[in-house]
Amino acid sequence: MFKGLGGLGDMGKMMKAAQEMQGKMAEMQESLGSIMVVGESGAGMVKATATAKGELTALDIDPSIFNSDDKEVVEDLILAAIKDAQAKAQERSAEEMQKLTEGLGLPADMKLPF
């Protein structure tokens, strides 16, 4: 009578796995907001702190670099530190995503979210 419904059990497992993955993705996205990375330039004279989501949270500038003649250099150092922090944030986010996909038994090169 119900022979044709054998595939529904597999569909139920797939749906449960998808819900589990969705929950873990939400947890990971939330945790990225609390992971901090620091980008530097000028041998550490300028430091930019960002979350792993890429949101800039702090900027630390050594006062010794302030000289009106070096305004362009200071601006370049600030931009370089911010770009470094953003690159590190992207790397950290990718690492966390890889951990998630491996934990779910998915291929490491699988791109999430779909």
N, C-alpha and C. Protein backbone atom coordinates (compact mmCIF):
# COMPACT_ATOMS: atom_id res chain seq x y z
N MET A 1 0.80 -1.18 0.00
CA MET A 1 0.00 0.00 0.00
C MET A 1 0.86 1.27 0.00
N PHE A 2 1.93 1.35 0.85
CA PHE A 2 2.78 2.53 0.93
C PHE A 2 4.16 2.29 0.34
N LYS A 3 4.30 1.35 -0.59
CA LYS A 3 5.61 1.03 -1.15
C LYS A 3 6.25 2.22 -1.84
N GLY A 4 5.49 3.04 -2.48
CA GLY A 4 6.03 4.18 -3.21
C GLY A 4 6.49 5.33 -2.33
N LEU A 5 6.34 5.24 -1.04
CA LEU A 5 6.70 6.33 -0.13
C LEU A 5 8.06 6.14 0.52
N GLY A 6 8.83 5.14 0.09
CA GLY A 6 10.13 4.88 0.71
C GLY A 6 11.07 6.06 0.64
N GLY A 7 11.01 6.86 -0.41
CA GLY A 7 11.88 8.01 -0.56
C GLY A 7 11.56 9.16 0.38
N LEU A 8 10.38 9.17 0.97
CA LEU A 8 10.02 10.26 1.88
C LEU A 8 10.88 10.27 3.13
N GLY A 9 11.29 9.09 3.59
CA GLY A 9 12.17 9.03 4.77
C GLY A 9 13.50 9.72 4.49
N ASP A 10 14.04 9.48 3.26
CA ASP A 10 15.28 10.14 2.88
C ASP A 10 15.08 11.66 2.76
N MET A 11 13.95 12.05 2.26
CA MET A 11 13.64 13.48 2.12
C MET A 11 13.58 14.12 3.51
N GLY A 12 13.01 13.41 4.46
CA GLY A 12 12.94 13.91 5.84
C GLY A 12 14.34 14.10 6.42
N LYS A 13 15.23 13.16 6.15
CA LYS A 13 16.61 13.27 6.63
C LYS A 13 17.30 14.47 5.99
N MET A 14 17.06 14.66 4.70
CA MET A 14 17.66 15.80 4.01
C MET A 14 17.16 17.12 4.58
N MET A 15 15.89 17.19 4.85
CA MET A 15 15.32 18.42 5.41
C MET A 15 15.88 18.70 6.80
N LYS A 16 16.03 17.65 7.59
CA LYS A 16 16.59 17.81 8.93
C LYS A 16 18.03 18.29 8.85
N ALA A 17 18.80 17.70 7.91
CA ALA A 17 20.19 18.11 7.73
C ALA A 17 20.28 19.56 7.26
N ALA A 18 19.37 19.96 6.37
CA ALA A 18 19.35 21.33 5.88
C ALA A 18 19.04 22.31 7.01
N GLN A 19 18.10 21.95 7.88
CA GLN A 19 17.77 22.81 9.02
C GLN A 19 18.94 22.91 9.98
N GLU A 20 19.63 21.80 10.18
CA GLU A 20 20.80 21.80 11.06
C GLU A 20 21.88 22.71 10.49
N MET A 21 22.11 22.60 9.18
CA MET A 21 23.11 23.44 8.54
C MET A 21 22.72 24.90 8.63
N GLN A 22 21.46 25.21 8.45
CA GLN A 22 21.00 26.59 8.54
C GLN A 22 21.23 27.15 9.94
N GLY A 23 20.97 26.34 10.95
CA GLY A 23 21.21 26.77 12.33
C GLY A 23 22.68 27.02 12.59
N LYS A 24 23.54 26.13 12.09
CA LYS A 24 24.98 26.30 12.30
C LYS A 24 25.51 27.51 11.53
N MET A 25 24.94 27.77 10.35
CA MET A 25 25.34 28.95 9.59
C MET A 25 24.99 30.22 10.37
N ALA A 26 23.81 30.25 10.96
CA ALA A 26 23.39 31.42 11.74
C ALA A 26 24.31 31.62 12.94
N GLU A 27 24.67 30.53 13.61
CA GLU A 27 25.59 30.62 14.75
C GLU A 27 26.93 31.16 14.30
N MET A 28 27.45 30.65 13.17
CA MET A 28 28.74 31.10 12.68
C MET A 28 28.70 32.58 12.32
N GLN A 29 27.64 33.01 11.63
CA GLN A 29 27.52 34.42 11.26
C GLN A 29 27.52 35.31 12.50
N GLU A 30 26.85 34.86 13.55
CA GLU A 30 26.81 35.63 14.79
C GLU A 30 28.20 35.67 15.44
N SER A 31 28.91 34.55 15.42
CA SER A 31 30.23 34.51 16.05
C SER A 31 31.24 35.36 15.29
N LEU A 32 31.06 35.55 13.98
CA LEU A 32 31.98 36.37 13.21
C LEU A 32 31.98 37.82 13.71
N GLY A 33 30.90 38.24 14.29
CA GLY A 33 30.82 39.60 14.82
C GLY A 33 31.63 39.79 16.09
N SER A 34 31.99 38.70 16.75
CA SER A 34 32.77 38.83 17.99
C SER A 34 34.24 38.45 17.79
N ILE A 35 34.60 37.93 16.62
CA ILE A 35 36.00 37.60 16.33
C ILE A 35 36.69 38.87 15.82
N MET A 36 37.78 39.26 16.45
CA MET A 36 38.49 40.48 16.07
C MET A 36 39.79 40.14 15.36
N VAL A 37 40.11 40.93 14.34
CA VAL A 37 41.38 40.83 13.63
C VAL A 37 42.01 42.22 13.63
N VAL A 38 43.34 42.27 13.55
CA VAL A 38 44.04 43.55 13.55
C VAL A 38 44.92 43.63 12.31
N GLY A 39 44.71 44.68 11.53
CA GLY A 39 45.56 44.95 10.38
C GLY A 39 46.55 46.04 10.75
N GLU A 40 47.76 45.95 10.16
CA GLU A 40 48.80 46.92 10.50
C GLU A 40 49.45 47.47 9.25
N SER A 41 50.05 48.65 9.41
CA SER A 41 50.90 49.22 8.38
C SER A 41 51.95 50.07 9.06
N GLY A 42 52.98 50.43 8.30
CA GLY A 42 54.03 51.27 8.87
C GLY A 42 54.71 50.62 10.05
N ALA A 43 54.99 49.33 9.95
CA ALA A 43 55.66 48.58 11.02
C ALA A 43 54.88 48.69 12.34
N GLY A 44 53.57 48.67 12.25
CA GLY A 44 52.73 48.70 13.45
C GLY A 44 52.40 50.09 13.95
N MET A 45 52.80 51.12 13.20
CA MET A 45 52.51 52.49 13.65
C MET A 45 51.03 52.83 13.47
N VAL A 46 50.38 52.14 12.55
CA VAL A 46 48.94 52.31 12.35
C VAL A 46 48.31 50.93 12.42
N LYS A 47 47.30 50.79 13.29
CA LYS A 47 46.61 49.51 13.47
C LYS A 47 45.11 49.73 13.33
N ALA A 48 44.49 48.85 12.55
CA ALA A 48 43.04 48.91 12.37
C ALA A 48 42.47 47.60 12.89
N THR A 49 41.47 47.68 13.76
CA THR A 49 40.82 46.50 14.30
C THR A 49 39.45 46.37 13.67
N ALA A 50 39.12 45.13 13.26
CA ALA A 50 37.83 44.88 12.62
C ALA A 50 37.30 43.55 13.10
N THR A 51 35.98 43.38 12.93
CA THR A 51 35.39 42.06 13.20
C THR A 51 35.66 41.17 12.00
N ALA A 52 35.46 39.87 12.17
CA ALA A 52 35.64 38.94 11.05
C ALA A 52 34.58 39.17 9.98
N LYS A 53 33.57 39.97 10.29
CA LYS A 53 32.59 40.37 9.28
C LYS A 53 33.11 41.53 8.44
N GLY A 54 34.23 42.12 8.86
CA GLY A 54 34.83 43.22 8.12
C GLY A 54 34.43 44.60 8.61
N GLU A 55 33.75 44.67 9.74
CA GLU A 55 33.33 45.97 10.29
C GLU A 55 34.47 46.57 11.10
N LEU A 56 34.91 47.76 10.71
CA LEU A 56 35.98 48.45 11.40
C LEU A 56 35.51 48.88 12.78
N THR A 57 36.25 48.52 13.83
CA THR A 57 35.83 48.86 15.19
C THR A 57 36.78 49.82 15.89
N ALA A 58 38.04 49.86 15.46
CA ALA A 58 39.00 50.75 16.13
C ALA A 58 40.15 51.08 15.19
N LEU A 59 40.76 52.21 15.45
CA LEU A 59 41.92 52.66 14.70
C LEU A 59 42.91 53.22 15.71
N ASP A 60 44.15 52.72 15.69
CA ASP A 60 45.17 53.17 16.62
C ASP A 60 46.34 53.73 15.81
N ILE A 61 46.66 55.00 16.05
CA ILE A 61 47.70 55.66 15.29
C ILE A 61 48.77 56.17 16.25
N ASP A 62 50.02 55.77 16.01
CA ASP A 62 51.14 56.24 16.82
C ASP A 62 51.29 57.74 16.58
N PRO A 63 51.29 58.56 17.63
CA PRO A 63 51.34 60.02 17.45
C PRO A 63 52.62 60.50 16.77
N SER A 64 53.67 59.70 16.77
CA SER A 64 54.93 60.15 16.18
C SER A 64 54.84 60.32 14.66
N ILE A 65 53.81 59.78 14.04
CA ILE A 65 53.72 59.91 12.58
C ILE A 65 53.02 61.20 12.14
N PHE A 66 52.50 61.96 13.09
CA PHE A 66 51.81 63.20 12.74
C PHE A 66 52.80 64.33 12.49
N ASN A 67 52.88 64.70 11.25
CA ASN A 67 53.72 65.80 10.82
C ASN A 67 53.01 66.37 9.60
N SER A 68 52.77 67.67 9.58
CA SER A 68 51.99 68.25 8.50
C SER A 68 52.59 68.00 7.13
N ASP A 69 53.90 67.81 7.06
CA ASP A 69 54.56 67.54 5.78
C ASP A 69 54.26 66.13 5.29
N ASP A 70 53.89 65.23 6.19
CA ASP A 70 53.69 63.81 5.85
C ASP A 70 52.22 63.43 5.81
N LYS A 71 51.34 64.38 5.57
CA LYS A 71 49.90 64.11 5.57
C LYS A 71 49.54 62.97 4.62
N GLU A 72 50.05 62.96 3.42
CA GLU A 72 49.72 61.91 2.45
C GLU A 72 50.24 60.55 2.89
N VAL A 73 51.41 60.55 3.52
CA VAL A 73 51.97 59.28 4.01
C VAL A 73 51.08 58.71 5.11
N VAL A 74 50.63 59.56 6.01
CA VAL A 74 49.75 59.12 7.11
C VAL A 74 48.45 58.58 6.54
N GLU A 75 47.87 59.28 5.58
CA GLU A 75 46.63 58.80 4.96
C GLU A 75 46.83 57.44 4.30
N ASP A 76 47.97 57.27 3.61
CA ASP A 76 48.27 55.98 2.97
C ASP A 76 48.43 54.87 4.00
N LEU A 77 49.07 55.19 5.12
CA LEU A 77 49.26 54.19 6.18
C LEU A 77 47.92 53.78 6.78
N ILE A 78 47.04 54.74 6.97
CA ILE A 78 45.71 54.43 7.52
C ILE A 78 44.94 53.53 6.56
N LEU A 79 44.92 53.89 5.29
CA LEU A 79 44.23 53.06 4.31
C LEU A 79 44.83 51.65 4.24
N ALA A 80 46.15 51.57 4.29
CA ALA A 80 46.81 50.26 4.22
C ALA A 80 46.43 49.40 5.42
N ALA A 81 46.37 50.00 6.61
CA ALA A 81 46.00 49.25 7.81
C ALA A 81 44.56 48.76 7.72
N ILE A 82 43.67 49.60 7.22
CA ILE A 82 42.26 49.21 7.09
C ILE A 82 42.12 48.08 6.07
N LYS A 83 42.81 48.20 4.95
CA LYS A 83 42.76 47.15 3.93
C LYS A 83 43.32 45.84 4.46
N ASP A 84 44.38 45.92 5.26
CA ASP A 84 44.97 44.72 5.86
C ASP A 84 43.97 44.07 6.82
N ALA A 85 43.29 44.88 7.61
CA ALA A 85 42.29 44.34 8.55
C ALA A 85 41.14 43.69 7.79
N GLN A 86 40.69 44.31 6.71
CA GLN A 86 39.61 43.74 5.92
C GLN A 86 40.02 42.43 5.27
N ALA A 87 41.25 42.36 4.77
CA ALA A 87 41.74 41.12 4.17
C ALA A 87 41.81 40.01 5.22
N LYS A 88 42.29 40.34 6.41
CA LYS A 88 42.36 39.35 7.48
C LYS A 88 40.96 38.91 7.92
N ALA A 89 40.01 39.84 7.89
CA ALA A 89 38.63 39.50 8.24
C ALA A 89 38.07 38.52 7.22
N GLN A 90 38.33 38.73 5.94
CA GLN A 90 37.86 37.81 4.91
C GLN A 90 38.49 36.43 5.07
N GLU A 91 39.79 36.41 5.36
CA GLU A 91 40.48 35.14 5.57
C GLU A 91 39.88 34.39 6.76
N ARG A 92 39.65 35.10 7.84
CA ARG A 92 39.11 34.46 9.05
C ARG A 92 37.70 33.95 8.81
N SER A 93 36.91 34.72 8.08
CA SER A 93 35.55 34.31 7.75
C SER A 93 35.58 33.04 6.90
N ALA A 94 36.50 32.98 5.94
CA ALA A 94 36.63 31.79 5.09
C ALA A 94 37.06 30.58 5.91
N GLU A 95 37.97 30.79 6.88
CA GLU A 95 38.41 29.70 7.76
C GLU A 95 37.23 29.16 8.57
N GLU A 96 36.42 30.06 9.12
CA GLU A 96 35.28 29.64 9.92
C GLU A 96 34.27 28.88 9.05
N MET A 97 34.07 29.34 7.83
CA MET A 97 33.14 28.67 6.91
C MET A 97 33.65 27.27 6.57
N GLN A 98 34.96 27.15 6.38
CA GLN A 98 35.55 25.85 6.06
C GLN A 98 35.36 24.89 7.23
N LYS A 99 35.55 25.38 8.45
CA LYS A 99 35.32 24.54 9.63
C LYS A 99 33.88 24.03 9.65
N LEU A 100 32.95 24.94 9.32
CA LEU A 100 31.53 24.58 9.33
C LEU A 100 31.23 23.51 8.29
N THR A 101 31.72 23.70 7.07
CA THR A 101 31.42 22.73 6.01
C THR A 101 32.05 21.38 6.31
N GLU A 102 33.26 21.38 6.85
CA GLU A 102 33.91 20.12 7.21
C GLU A 102 33.14 19.42 8.32
N GLY A 103 32.66 20.20 9.29
CA GLY A 103 31.90 19.64 10.40
C GLY A 103 30.59 19.01 9.96
N LEU A 104 30.05 19.49 8.85
CA LEU A 104 28.80 18.94 8.33
C LEU A 104 29.05 17.85 7.30
N GLY A 105 30.33 17.54 7.03
CA GLY A 105 30.64 16.50 6.07
C GLY A 105 30.49 16.96 4.63
N LEU A 106 30.51 18.25 4.41
CA LEU A 106 30.40 18.80 3.06
C LEU A 106 31.80 18.98 2.47
N PRO A 107 31.93 19.03 1.15
CA PRO A 107 33.24 19.26 0.53
C PRO A 107 33.83 20.58 1.02
N ALA A 108 35.13 20.61 1.25
CA ALA A 108 35.79 21.80 1.79
C ALA A 108 35.70 22.99 0.85
N ASP A 109 35.60 22.74 -0.46
CA ASP A 109 35.54 23.85 -1.40
C ASP A 109 34.12 24.29 -1.74
N MET A 110 33.15 23.74 -1.02
CA MET A 110 31.75 24.11 -1.26
C MET A 110 31.50 25.53 -0.79
N LYS A 111 30.91 26.34 -1.64
CA LYS A 111 30.66 27.73 -1.31
C LYS A 111 29.30 27.87 -0.63
N LEU A 112 29.29 28.43 0.58
CA LEU A 112 28.06 28.69 1.33
C LEU A 112 28.03 30.18 1.66
N PRO A 113 26.94 30.81 1.79
CA PRO A 113 25.62 30.27 1.48
C PRO A 113 25.46 30.11 -0.01
N PHE A 114 24.53 29.25 -0.38
CA PHE A 114 24.36 28.88 -1.77
C PHE A 114 24.14 30.09 -2.57
